């Protein structure tokens, strides 16, 4: 059972780009209502797949450099990284089934 850990501008390279496992990042902000709807889905996926996939969340209020570099223009944005590269990206609240298909494609 894995928790969704926080990632920041400072820890992004080590936790995401250098990860040996696929990484799912949830870019969010406390003022974003769809982000709050998506959060329990990400937590559930982390519990189910946390042994195979790293789940991270980035607060875009406190970390602004990485979202800008990654082209995050709307919230929530979910990015799936494999081998340090973005292989999938979603903007807006998505149903669990869409996220699950994206994750299972890279397991």
PDB file of N, CA and C in Angstrom:
ATOM      1  N   UNK A   1       0.849  -1.183   0.000  1.00  0.00           N
ATOM      2  CA  UNK A   1       0.000   0.000   0.000  1.00  0.00           C
ATOM      3  C   UNK A   1       0.889   1.239   0.000  1.00  0.00           C
ATOM      4  N   UNK A   2       0.893   1.953  -1.100  1.00  0.00           N
ATOM      5  CA  UNK A   2       1.763   3.120  -1.238  1.00  0.00           C
ATOM      6  C   UNK A   2       0.948   4.404  -1.118  1.00  0.00           C
ATOM      7  N   UNK A   3       1.573   5.385  -0.552  1.00  0.00           N
ATOM      8  CA  UNK A   3       0.942   6.695  -0.453  1.00  0.00           C
ATOM      9  C   UNK A   3       1.390   7.545  -1.632  1.00  0.00           C
ATOM     10  N   UNK A   4       0.652   8.612  -1.866  1.00  0.00           N
ATOM     11  CA  UNK A   4       1.029   9.560  -2.907  1.00  0.00           C
ATOM     12  C   UNK A   4       1.956  10.579  -2.248  1.00  0.00           C
ATOM     13  N   UNK A   5       3.208  10.593  -2.670  1.00  0.00           N
ATOM     14  CA  UNK A   5       4.211  11.472  -2.063  1.00  0.00           C
ATOM     15  C   UNK A   5       4.225  12.823  -2.776  1.00  0.00           C
ATOM     16  N   UNK A   6       4.762  13.815  -2.094  1.00  0.00           N
ATOM     17  CA  UNK A   6       4.910  15.139  -2.684  1.00  0.00           C
ATOM     18  C   UNK A   6       6.211  15.218  -3.468  1.00  0.00           C
ATOM     19  N   UNK A   7       6.165  15.919  -4.594  1.00  0.00           N
ATOM     20  CA  UNK A   7       7.361  16.207  -5.376  1.00  0.00           C
ATOM     21  C   UNK A   7       7.406  17.724  -5.564  1.00  0.00           C
ATOM     22  N   UNK A   8       8.611  18.278  -5.563  1.00  0.00           N
ATOM     23  CA  UNK A   8       8.789  19.720  -5.707  1.00  0.00           C
ATOM     24  C   UNK A   8       9.743  20.001  -6.864  1.00  0.00           C
ATOM     25  N   UNK A   9       9.914  21.277  -7.164  1.00  0.00           N
ATOM     26  CA  UNK A   9      10.902  21.647  -8.182  1.00  0.00           C
ATOM     27  C   UNK A   9      12.262  21.048  -7.842  1.00  0.00           C
ATOM     28  N   UNK A  10      12.614  21.060  -6.549  1.00  0.00           N
ATOM     29  CA  UNK A  10      13.938  20.602  -6.108  1.00  0.00           C
ATOM     30  C   UNK A  10      14.104  19.088  -6.201  1.00  0.00           C
ATOM     31  N   UNK A  11      13.012  18.316  -6.032  1.00  0.00           N
ATOM     32  CA  UNK A  11      13.130  16.856  -6.007  1.00  0.00           C
ATOM     33  C   UNK A  11      12.684  16.190  -7.315  1.00  0.00           C
ATOM     34  N   UNK A  12      12.221  16.973  -8.272  1.00  0.00           N
ATOM     35  CA  UNK A  12      11.667  16.436  -9.517  1.00  0.00           C
ATOM     36  C   UNK A  12      12.659  15.541 -10.265  1.00  0.00           C
ATOM     37  N   UNK A  13      13.872  15.989 -10.445  1.00  0.00           N
ATOM     38  CA  UNK A  13      14.858  15.211 -11.215  1.00  0.00           C
ATOM     39  C   UNK A  13      15.086  13.846 -10.574  1.00  0.00           C
ATOM     40  N   UNK A  14      15.318  13.826  -9.260  1.00  0.00           N
ATOM     41  CA  UNK A  14      15.602  12.555  -8.587  1.00  0.00           C
ATOM     42  C   UNK A  14      14.385  11.629  -8.548  1.00  0.00           C
ATOM     43  N   UNK A  15      13.213  12.187  -8.237  1.00  0.00           N
ATOM     44  CA  UNK A  15      12.030  11.348  -8.052  1.00  0.00           C
ATOM     45  C   UNK A  15      11.350  10.952  -9.359  1.00  0.00           C
ATOM     46  N   UNK A  16      11.495  11.764 -10.388  1.00  0.00           N
ATOM     47  CA  UNK A  16      10.773  11.503 -11.640  1.00  0.00           C
ATOM     48  C   UNK A  16      11.719  11.094 -12.762  1.00  0.00           C
ATOM     49  N   UNK A  17      12.635  11.962 -13.105  1.00  0.00           N
ATOM     50  CA  UNK A  17      13.481  11.718 -14.275  1.00  0.00           C
ATOM     51  C   UNK A  17      14.432  10.545 -14.077  1.00  0.00           C
ATOM     52  N   UNK A  18      14.845  10.283 -12.848  1.00  0.00           N
ATOM     53  CA  UNK A  18      15.784   9.186 -12.573  1.00  0.00           C
ATOM     54  C   UNK A  18      15.101   7.926 -12.052  1.00  0.00           C
ATOM     55  N   UNK A  19      13.776   7.908 -12.037  1.00  0.00           N
ATOM     56  CA  UNK A  19      13.045   6.758 -11.498  1.00  0.00           C
ATOM     57  C   UNK A  19      13.173   5.547 -12.415  1.00  0.00           C
ATOM     58  N   UNK A  20      13.334   4.381 -11.817  1.00  0.00           N
ATOM     59  CA  UNK A  20      13.394   3.143 -12.591  1.00  0.00           C
ATOM     60  C   UNK A  20      11.992   2.600 -12.876  1.00  0.00           C
ATOM     61  N   UNK A  21      10.990   3.112 -12.172  1.00  0.00           N
ATOM     62  CA  UNK A  21       9.597   2.698 -12.375  1.00  0.00           C
ATOM     63  C   UNK A  21       8.850   3.794 -13.122  1.00  0.00           C
ATOM     64  N   UNK A  22       7.725   3.453 -13.767  1.00  0.00           N
ATOM     65  CA  UNK A  22       6.872   4.511 -14.313  1.00  0.00           C
ATOM     66  C   UNK A  22       6.427   5.444 -13.181  1.00  0.00           C
ATOM     67  N   UNK A  23       6.245   6.721 -13.510  1.00  0.00           N
ATOM     68  CA  UNK A  23       5.855   7.724 -12.518  1.00  0.00           C
ATOM     69  C   UNK A  23       4.599   8.439 -13.001  1.00  0.00           C
ATOM     70  N   UNK A  24       3.629   8.576 -12.102  1.00  0.00           N
ATOM     71  CA  UNK A  24       2.422   9.353 -12.386  1.00  0.00           C
ATOM     72  C   UNK A  24       2.479  10.596 -11.496  1.00  0.00           C
ATOM     73  N   UNK A  25       2.408  11.773 -12.126  1.00  0.00           N
ATOM     74  CA  UNK A  25       2.409  13.028 -11.365  1.00  0.00           C
ATOM     75  C   UNK A  25       1.065  13.700 -11.518  1.00  0.00           C
ATOM     76  N   UNK A  26       0.518  14.107 -10.387  1.00  0.00           N
ATOM     77  CA  UNK A  26      -0.724  14.873 -10.332  1.00  0.00           C
ATOM     78  C   UNK A  26      -0.344  16.318  -9.996  1.00  0.00           C
ATOM     79  N   UNK A  27      -0.451  17.209 -10.984  1.00  0.00           N
ATOM     80  CA  UNK A  27      -0.227  18.640 -10.745  1.00  0.00           C
ATOM     81  C   UNK A  27      -1.539  19.227 -10.248  1.00  0.00           C
ATOM     82  N   UNK A  28      -1.517  19.882  -9.082  1.00  0.00           N
ATOM     83  CA  UNK A  28      -2.751  20.356  -8.459  1.00  0.00           C
ATOM     84  C   UNK A  28      -2.536  21.696  -7.776  1.00  0.00           C
ATOM     85  N   UNK A  29      -3.633  22.277  -7.303  1.00  0.00           N
ATOM     86  CA  UNK A  29      -3.594  23.498  -6.486  1.00  0.00           C
ATOM     87  C   UNK A  29      -4.784  23.455  -5.530  1.00  0.00           C
ATOM     88  N   UNK A  30      -4.641  24.094  -4.381  1.00  0.00           N
ATOM     89  CA  UNK A  30      -5.691  24.039  -3.365  1.00  0.00           C
ATOM     90  C   UNK A  30      -6.982  24.744  -3.790  1.00  0.00           C
ATOM     91  N   UNK A  31      -6.924  25.645  -4.758  1.00  0.00           N
ATOM     92  CA  UNK A  31      -8.106  26.366  -5.225  1.00  0.00           C
ATOM     93  C   UNK A  31      -8.836  25.647  -6.353  1.00  0.00           C
ATOM     94  N   UNK A  32      -8.316  24.507  -6.786  1.00  0.00           N
ATOM     95  CA  UNK A  32      -8.822  23.779  -7.963  1.00  0.00           C
ATOM     96  C   UNK A  32      -9.820  22.698  -7.542  1.00  0.00           C
ATOM     97  N   UNK A  33     -11.111  22.926  -7.813  1.00  0.00           N
ATOM     98  CA  UNK A  33     -12.149  21.956  -7.434  1.00  0.00           C
ATOM     99  C   UNK A  33     -11.987  20.605  -8.137  1.00  0.00           C
ATOM    100  N   UNK A  34     -11.725  20.562  -9.453  1.00  0.00           N
ATOM    101  CA  UNK A  34     -11.522  19.253 -10.090  1.00  0.00           C
ATOM    102  C   UNK A  34     -10.320  18.496  -9.520  1.00  0.00           C
ATOM    103  N   UNK A  35      -9.308  19.233  -9.049  1.00  0.00           N
ATOM    104  CA  UNK A  35      -8.146  18.579  -8.424  1.00  0.00           C
ATOM    105  C   UNK A  35      -8.588  17.804  -7.186  1.00  0.00           C
ATOM    106  N   UNK A  36      -9.497  18.405  -6.422  1.00  0.00           N
ATOM    107  CA  UNK A  36      -9.984  17.753  -5.198  1.00  0.00           C
ATOM    108  C   UNK A  36     -10.804  16.515  -5.528  1.00  0.00           C
ATOM    109  N   UNK A  37     -11.495  16.522  -6.675  1.00  0.00           N
ATOM    110  CA  UNK A  37     -12.261  15.354  -7.102  1.00  0.00           C
ATOM    111  C   UNK A  37     -11.329  14.230  -7.558  1.00  0.00           C
ATOM    112  N   UNK A  38     -10.222  14.598  -8.171  1.00  0.00           N
ATOM    113  CA  UNK A  38      -9.283  13.620  -8.721  1.00  0.00           C
ATOM    114  C   UNK A  38      -8.398  12.983  -7.647  1.00  0.00           C
ATOM    115  N   UNK A  39      -8.131  13.706  -6.592  1.00  0.00           N
ATOM    116  CA  UNK A  39      -7.190  13.249  -5.566  1.00  0.00           C
ATOM    117  C   UNK A  39      -7.516  11.861  -4.997  1.00  0.00           C
ATOM    118  N   UNK A  40      -8.772  11.561  -4.622  1.00  0.00           N
ATOM    119  CA  UNK A  40      -9.057  10.219  -4.082  1.00  0.00           C
ATOM    120  C   UNK A  40      -8.829   9.104  -5.111  1.00  0.00           C
ATOM    121  N   UNK A  41      -9.030   9.412  -6.393  1.00  0.00           N
ATOM    122  CA  UNK A  41      -8.792   8.416  -7.443  1.00  0.00           C
ATOM    123  C   UNK A  41      -7.301   8.103  -7.531  1.00  0.00           C
ATOM    124  N   UNK A  42      -6.475   9.151  -7.492  1.00  0.00           N
ATOM    125  CA  UNK A  42      -5.020   8.954  -7.531  1.00  0.00           C
ATOM    126  C   UNK A  42      -4.564   8.157  -6.311  1.00  0.00           C
ATOM    127  N   UNK A  43      -5.129   8.465  -5.140  1.00  0.00           N
ATOM    128  CA  UNK A  43      -4.760   7.747  -3.915  1.00  0.00           C
ATOM    129  C   UNK A  43      -5.152   6.277  -4.009  1.00  0.00           C
ATOM    130  N   UNK A  44      -6.316   6.004  -4.589  1.00  0.00           N
ATOM    131  CA  UNK A  44      -6.756   4.618  -4.755  1.00  0.00           C
ATOM    132  C   UNK A  44      -5.839   3.862  -5.724  1.00  0.00           C
ATOM    133  N   UNK A  45      -5.481   4.495  -6.822  1.00  0.00           N
ATOM    134  CA  UNK A  45      -4.560   3.868  -7.774  1.00  0.00           C
ATOM    135  C   UNK A  45      -3.189   3.625  -7.138  1.00  0.00           C
ATOM    136  N   UNK A  46      -2.748   4.549  -6.293  1.00  0.00           N
ATOM    137  CA  UNK A  46      -1.466   4.378  -5.600  1.00  0.00           C
ATOM    138  C   UNK A  46      -1.516   3.161  -4.676  1.00  0.00           C
ATOM    139  N   UNK A  47      -2.641   2.963  -4.009  1.00  0.00           N
ATOM    140  CA  UNK A  47      -2.781   1.787  -3.138  1.00  0.00           C
ATOM    141  C   UNK A  47      -2.732   0.502  -3.972  1.00  0.00           C
ATOM    142  N   UNK A  48      -3.372   0.520  -5.138  1.00  0.00           N
ATOM    143  CA  UNK A  48      -3.469  -0.688  -5.961  1.00  0.00           C
ATOM    144  C   UNK A  48      -2.214  -0.972  -6.782  1.00  0.00           C
ATOM    145  N   UNK A  49      -1.526   0.078  -7.228  1.00  0.00           N
ATOM    146  CA  UNK A  49      -0.402  -0.094  -8.161  1.00  0.00           C
ATOM    147  C   UNK A  49       0.921   0.466  -7.641  1.00  0.00           C
ATOM    148  N   UNK A  50       0.956   0.891  -6.395  1.00  0.00           N
ATOM    149  CA  UNK A  50       2.137   1.551  -5.848  1.00  0.00           C
ATOM    150  C   UNK A  50       3.401   0.721  -5.828  1.00  0.00           C
ATOM    151  N   UNK A  51       3.262  -0.607  -5.921  1.00  0.00           N
ATOM    152  CA  UNK A  51       4.457  -1.457  -5.966  1.00  0.00           C
ATOM    153  C   UNK A  51       5.108  -1.436  -7.350  1.00  0.00           C
ATOM    154  N   UNK A  52       4.338  -1.045  -8.391  1.00  0.00           N
ATOM    155  CA  UNK A  52       4.851  -1.048  -9.760  1.00  0.00           C
ATOM    156  C   UNK A  52       5.031   0.344 -10.347  1.00  0.00           C
ATOM    157  N   UNK A  53       4.318   1.319  -9.780  1.00  0.00           N
ATOM    158  CA  UNK A  53       4.312   2.681 -10.299  1.00  0.00           C
ATOM    159  C   UNK A  53       4.484   3.651  -9.133  1.00  0.00           C
ATOM    160  N   UNK A  54       5.275   4.704  -9.336  1.00  0.00           N
ATOM    161  CA  UNK A  54       5.438   5.742  -8.322  1.00  0.00           C
ATOM    162  C   UNK A  54       4.388   6.827  -8.566  1.00  0.00           C
ATOM    163  N   UNK A  55       3.624   7.155  -7.545  1.00  0.00           N
ATOM    164  CA  UNK A  55       2.593   8.194  -7.640  1.00  0.00           C
ATOM    165  C   UNK A  55       3.043   9.415  -6.844  1.00  0.00           C
ATOM    166  N   UNK A  56       3.059  10.560  -7.510  1.00  0.00           N
ATOM    167  CA  UNK A  56       3.509  11.802  -6.892  1.00  0.00           C
ATOM    168  C   UNK A  56       2.497  12.904  -7.157  1.00  0.00           C
ATOM    169  N   UNK A  57       2.499  13.909  -6.270  1.00  0.00           N
ATOM    170  CA  UNK A  57       1.662  15.087  -6.500  1.00  0.00           C
ATOM    171  C   UNK A  57       2.519  16.334  -6.335  1.00  0.00           C
ATOM    172  N   UNK A  58       2.245  17.331  -7.187  1.00  0.00           N
ATOM    173  CA  UNK A  58       3.004  18.573  -7.137  1.00  0.00           C
ATOM    174  C   UNK A  58       2.049  19.740  -6.938  1.00  0.00           C
ATOM    175  N   UNK A  59       2.271  20.479  -5.858  1.00  0.00           N
ATOM    176  CA  UNK A  59       1.480  21.671  -5.568  1.00  0.00           C
ATOM    177  C   UNK A  59       2.007  22.804  -6.449  1.00  0.00           C
ATOM    178  N   UNK A  60       1.204  23.215  -7.420  1.00  0.00           N
ATOM    179  CA  UNK A  60       1.654  24.231  -8.369  1.00  0.00           C
ATOM    180  C   UNK A  60       1.673  25.635  -7.771  1.00  0.00           C
ATOM    181  N   UNK A  61       1.145  25.783  -6.552  1.00  0.00           N
ATOM    182  CA  UNK A  61       1.260  27.072  -5.856  1.00  0.00           C
ATOM    183  C   UNK A  61       2.668  27.284  -5.320  1.00  0.00           C
ATOM    184  N   UNK A  62       3.309  26.186  -4.880  1.00  0.00           N
ATOM    185  CA  UNK A  62       4.627  26.309  -4.270  1.00  0.00           C
ATOM    186  C   UNK A  62       5.766  25.905  -5.215  1.00  0.00           C
ATOM    187  N   UNK A  63       5.457  25.064  -6.181  1.00  0.00           N
ATOM    188  CA  UNK A  63       6.448  24.663  -7.188  1.00  0.00           C
ATOM    189  C   UNK A  63       5.936  25.140  -8.548  1.00  0.00           C
ATOM    190  N   UNK A  64       6.620  26.108  -9.120  1.00  0.00           N
ATOM    191  CA  UNK A  64       6.157  26.688 -10.392  1.00  0.00           C
ATOM    192  C   UNK A  64       7.091  26.390 -11.559  1.00  0.00           C
ATOM    193  N   UNK A  65       8.340  26.084 -11.260  1.00  0.00           N
ATOM    194  CA  UNK A  65       9.337  25.885 -12.313  1.00  0.00           C
ATOM    195  C   UNK A  65       9.045  24.650 -13.167  1.00  0.00           C
ATOM    196  N   UNK A  66       8.828  23.498 -12.531  1.00  0.00           N
ATOM    197  CA  UNK A  66       8.596  22.255 -13.272  1.00  0.00           C
ATOM    198  C   UNK A  66       7.292  22.315 -14.080  1.00  0.00           C
ATOM    199  N   UNK A  67       6.170  22.758 -13.489  1.00  0.00           N
ATOM    200  CA  UNK A  67       4.962  22.838 -14.313  1.00  0.00           C
ATOM    201  C   UNK A  67       5.153  23.706 -15.562  1.00  0.00           C
ATOM    202  N   UNK A  68       5.890  24.800 -15.436  1.00  0.00           N
ATOM    203  CA  UNK A  68       6.167  25.658 -16.588  1.00  0.00           C
ATOM    204  C   UNK A  68       7.007  24.909 -17.615  1.00  0.00           C
ATOM    205  N   UNK A  69       8.066  24.231 -17.150  1.00  0.00           N
ATOM    206  CA  UNK A  69       8.929  23.464 -18.057  1.00  0.00           C
ATOM    207  C   UNK A  69       8.169  22.333 -18.745  1.00  0.00           C
ATOM    208  N   UNK A  70       7.218  21.747 -18.037  1.00  0.00           N
ATOM    209  CA  UNK A  70       6.465  20.604 -18.568  1.00  0.00           C
ATOM    210  C   UNK A  70       5.243  21.040 -19.381  1.00  0.00           C
ATOM    211  N   UNK A  71       5.026  22.340 -19.507  1.00  0.00           N
ATOM    212  CA  UNK A  71       3.915  22.828 -20.318  1.00  0.00           C
ATOM    213  C   UNK A  71       2.552  22.628 -19.689  1.00  0.00           C
ATOM    214  N   UNK A  72       2.507  22.601 -18.360  1.00  0.00           N
ATOM    215  CA  UNK A  72       1.233  22.443 -17.658  1.00  0.00           C
ATOM    216  C   UNK A  72       0.476  23.771 -17.740  1.00  0.00           C
ATOM    217  N   UNK A  73      -0.638  23.774 -18.475  1.00  0.00           N
ATOM    218  CA  UNK A  73      -1.400  25.000 -18.688  1.00  0.00           C
ATOM    219  C   UNK A  73      -2.744  24.996 -17.972  1.00  0.00           C
ATOM    220  N   UNK A  74      -3.193  23.830 -17.537  1.00  0.00           N
ATOM    221  CA  UNK A  74      -4.467  23.728 -16.834  1.00  0.00           C
ATOM    222  C   UNK A  74      -4.357  22.730 -15.706  1.00  0.00           C
ATOM    223  N   UNK A  75      -5.279  22.825 -14.765  1.00  0.00           N
ATOM    224  CA  UNK A  75      -5.276  21.910 -13.622  1.00  0.00           C
ATOM    225  C   UNK A  75      -6.635  21.227 -13.524  1.00  0.00           C
ATOM    226  N   UNK A  76      -6.642  20.000 -13.033  1.00  0.00           N
ATOM    227  CA  UNK A  76      -5.474  19.169 -12.775  1.00  0.00           C
ATOM    228  C   UNK A  76      -4.847  18.677 -14.080  1.00  0.00           C
ATOM    229  N   UNK A  77      -3.551  18.443 -14.038  1.00  0.00           N
ATOM    230  CA  UNK A  77      -2.851  17.779 -15.133  1.00  0.00           C
ATOM    231  C   UNK A  77      -2.194  16.534 -14.564  1.00  0.00           C
ATOM    232  N   UNK A  78      -2.349  15.440 -15.277  1.00  0.00           N
ATOM    233  CA  UNK A  78      -1.699  14.176 -14.916  1.00  0.00           C
ATOM    234  C   UNK A  78      -0.696  13.869 -16.011  1.00  0.00           C
ATOM    235  N   UNK A  79       0.532  13.576 -15.612  1.00  0.00           N
ATOM    236  CA  UNK A  79       1.545  13.145 -16.576  1.00  0.00           C
ATOM    237  C   UNK A  79       2.085  11.787 -16.150  1.00  0.00           C
ATOM    238  N   UNK A  80       2.302  10.921 -17.138  1.00  0.00           N
ATOM    239  CA  UNK A  80       2.912   9.614 -16.908  1.00  0.00           C
ATOM    240  C   UNK A  80       4.303   9.659 -17.540  1.00  0.00           C
ATOM    241  N   UNK A  81       5.312   9.397 -16.718  1.00  0.00           N
ATOM    242  CA  UNK A  81       6.705   9.378 -17.181  1.00  0.00           C
ATOM    243  C   UNK A  81       7.215   7.947 -17.184  1.00  0.00           C
ATOM    244  N   UNK A  82       7.927   7.584 -18.242  1.00  0.00           N
ATOM    245  CA  UNK A  82       8.624   6.303 -18.313  1.00  0.00           C
ATOM    246  C   UNK A  82      10.018   6.611 -18.828  1.00  0.00           C
ATOM    247  N   UNK A  83      11.026   6.192 -18.085  1.00  0.00           N
ATOM    248  CA  UNK A  83      12.403   6.452 -18.491  1.00  0.00           C
ATOM    249  C   UNK A  83      12.725   7.937 -18.586  1.00  0.00           C
ATOM    250  N   UNK A  84      12.093   8.742 -17.741  1.00  0.00           N
ATOM    251  CA  UNK A  84      12.361  10.181 -17.707  1.00  0.00           C
ATOM    252  C   UNK A  84      11.651  10.981 -18.787  1.00  0.00           C
ATOM    253  N   UNK A  85      10.804  10.329 -19.584  1.00  0.00           N
ATOM    254  CA  UNK A  85      10.082  11.006 -20.669  1.00  0.00           C
ATOM    255  C   UNK A  85       8.575  10.945 -20.429  1.00  0.00           C
ATOM    256  N   UNK A  86       7.861  12.009 -20.809  1.00  0.00           N
ATOM    257  CA  UNK A  86       6.402  12.003 -20.723  1.00  0.00           C
ATOM    258  C   UNK A  86       5.858  11.109 -21.830  1.00  0.00           C
ATOM    259  N   UNK A  87       5.078  10.094 -21.424  1.00  0.00           N
ATOM    260  CA  UNK A  87       4.474   9.201 -22.408  1.00  0.00           C
ATOM    261  C   UNK A  87       2.970   9.409 -22.525  1.00  0.00           C
ATOM    262  N   UNK A  88       2.367  10.008 -21.514  1.00  0.00           N
ATOM    263  CA  UNK A  88       0.939  10.338 -21.519  1.00  0.00           C
ATOM    264  C   UNK A  88       0.742  11.605 -20.721  1.00  0.00           C
ATOM    265  N   UNK A  89      -0.243  12.397 -21.131  1.00  0.00           N
ATOM    266  CA  UNK A  89      -0.571  13.614 -20.391  1.00  0.00           C
ATOM    267  C   UNK A  89      -2.058  13.881 -20.529  1.00  0.00           C
ATOM    268  N   UNK A  90      -2.706  14.191 -19.414  1.00  0.00           N
ATOM    269  CA  UNK A  90      -4.135  14.498 -19.387  1.00  0.00           C
ATOM    270  C   UNK A  90      -4.337  15.810 -18.642  1.00  0.00           C
ATOM    271  N   UNK A  91      -5.230  16.635 -19.140  1.00  0.00           N
ATOM    272  CA  UNK A  91      -5.613  17.849 -18.421  1.00  0.00           C
ATOM    273  C   UNK A  91      -7.100  17.764 -18.118  1.00  0.00           C
ATOM    274  N   UNK A  92      -7.447  18.138 -16.893  1.00  0.00           N
ATOM    275  CA  UNK A  92      -8.841  18.066 -16.462  1.00  0.00           C
ATOM    276  C   UNK A  92      -9.089  16.779 -15.703  1.00  0.00           C
ATOM    277  N   UNK A  93     -10.173  16.773 -14.946  1.00  0.00           N
ATOM    278  CA  UNK A  93     -10.527  15.587 -14.172  1.00  0.00           C
ATOM    279  C   UNK A  93     -10.928  14.472 -15.127  1.00  0.00           C
ATOM    280  N   UNK A  94     -10.327  13.325 -14.953  1.00  0.00           N
ATOM    281  CA  UNK A  94     -10.609  12.162 -15.800  1.00  0.00           C
ATOM    282  C   UNK A  94     -11.152  11.036 -14.930  1.00  0.00           C
ATOM    283  N   UNK A  95     -11.987  10.170 -15.516  1.00  0.00           N
ATOM    284  CA  UNK A  95     -12.469   9.030 -14.740  1.00  0.00           C
ATOM    285  C   UNK A  95     -11.340   8.041 -14.463  1.00  0.00           C
ATOM    286  N   UNK A  96     -11.530   7.250 -13.449  1.00  0.00           N
ATOM    287  CA  UNK A  96     -10.526   6.268 -13.046  1.00  0.00           C
ATOM    288  C   UNK A  96     -10.157   5.351 -14.209  1.00  0.00           C
ATOM    289  N   UNK A  97     -11.129   4.971 -15.030  1.00  0.00           N
ATOM    290  CA  UNK A  97     -10.874   4.038 -16.127  1.00  0.00           C
ATOM    291  C   UNK A  97      -9.840   4.584 -17.120  1.00  0.00           C
ATOM    292  N   UNK A  98      -9.879   5.876 -17.397  1.00  0.00           N
ATOM    293  CA  UNK A  98      -8.929   6.491 -18.333  1.00  0.00           C
ATOM    294  C   UNK A  98      -7.518   6.442 -17.748  1.00  0.00           C
ATOM    295  N   UNK A  99      -7.395   6.787 -16.470  1.00  0.00           N
ATOM    296  CA  UNK A  99      -6.091   6.765 -15.813  1.00  0.00           C
ATOM    297  C   UNK A  99      -5.556   5.337 -15.707  1.00  0.00           C
ATOM    298  N   UNK A 100      -6.441   4.415 -15.402  1.00  0.00           N
ATOM    299  CA  UNK A 100      -6.048   3.017 -15.261  1.00  0.00           C
ATOM    300  C   UNK A 100      -5.500   2.471 -16.573  1.00  0.00           C
ATOM    301  N   UNK A 101      -6.154   2.757 -17.694  1.00  0.00           N
ATOM    302  CA  UNK A 101      -5.656   2.310 -18.998  1.00  0.00           C
ATOM    303  C   UNK A 101      -4.275   2.887 -19.292  1.00  0.00           C
ATOM    304  N   UNK A 102      -4.081   4.147 -18.958  1.00  0.00           N
ATOM    305  CA  UNK A 102      -2.779   4.799 -19.205  1.00  0.00           C
ATOM    306  C   UNK A 102      -1.686   4.151 -18.382  1.00  0.00           C
ATOM    307  N   UNK A 103      -1.991   3.801 -17.141  1.00  0.00           N
ATOM    308  CA  UNK A 103      -1.007   3.186 -16.262  1.00  0.00           C
ATOM    309  C   UNK A 103      -0.685   1.752 -16.728  1.00  0.00           C
ATOM    310  N   UNK A 104      -1.741   0.984 -17.005  1.00  0.00           N
ATOM    311  CA  UNK A 104      -1.536  -0.418 -17.353  1.00  0.00           C
ATOM    312  C   UNK A 104      -0.782  -0.591 -18.666  1.00  0.00           C
ATOM    313  N   UNK A 105      -0.843   0.409 -19.514  1.00  0.00           N
ATOM    314  CA  UNK A 105      -0.124   0.361 -20.792  1.00  0.00           C
ATOM    315  C   UNK A 105       1.398   0.291 -20.584  1.00  0.00           C
ATOM    316  N   UNK A 106       1.880   0.793 -19.448  1.00  0.00           N
ATOM    317  CA  UNK A 106       3.336   0.872 -19.218  1.00  0.00           C
ATOM    318  C   UNK A 106       3.823  -0.048 -18.102  1.00  0.00           C
ATOM    319  N   UNK A 107       2.995  -0.956 -17.658  1.00  0.00           N
ATOM    320  CA  UNK A 107       3.435  -1.904 -16.624  1.00  0.00           C
ATOM    321  C   UNK A 107       4.182  -3.073 -17.223  1.00  0.00           C
TER     322      UNK A 107
END
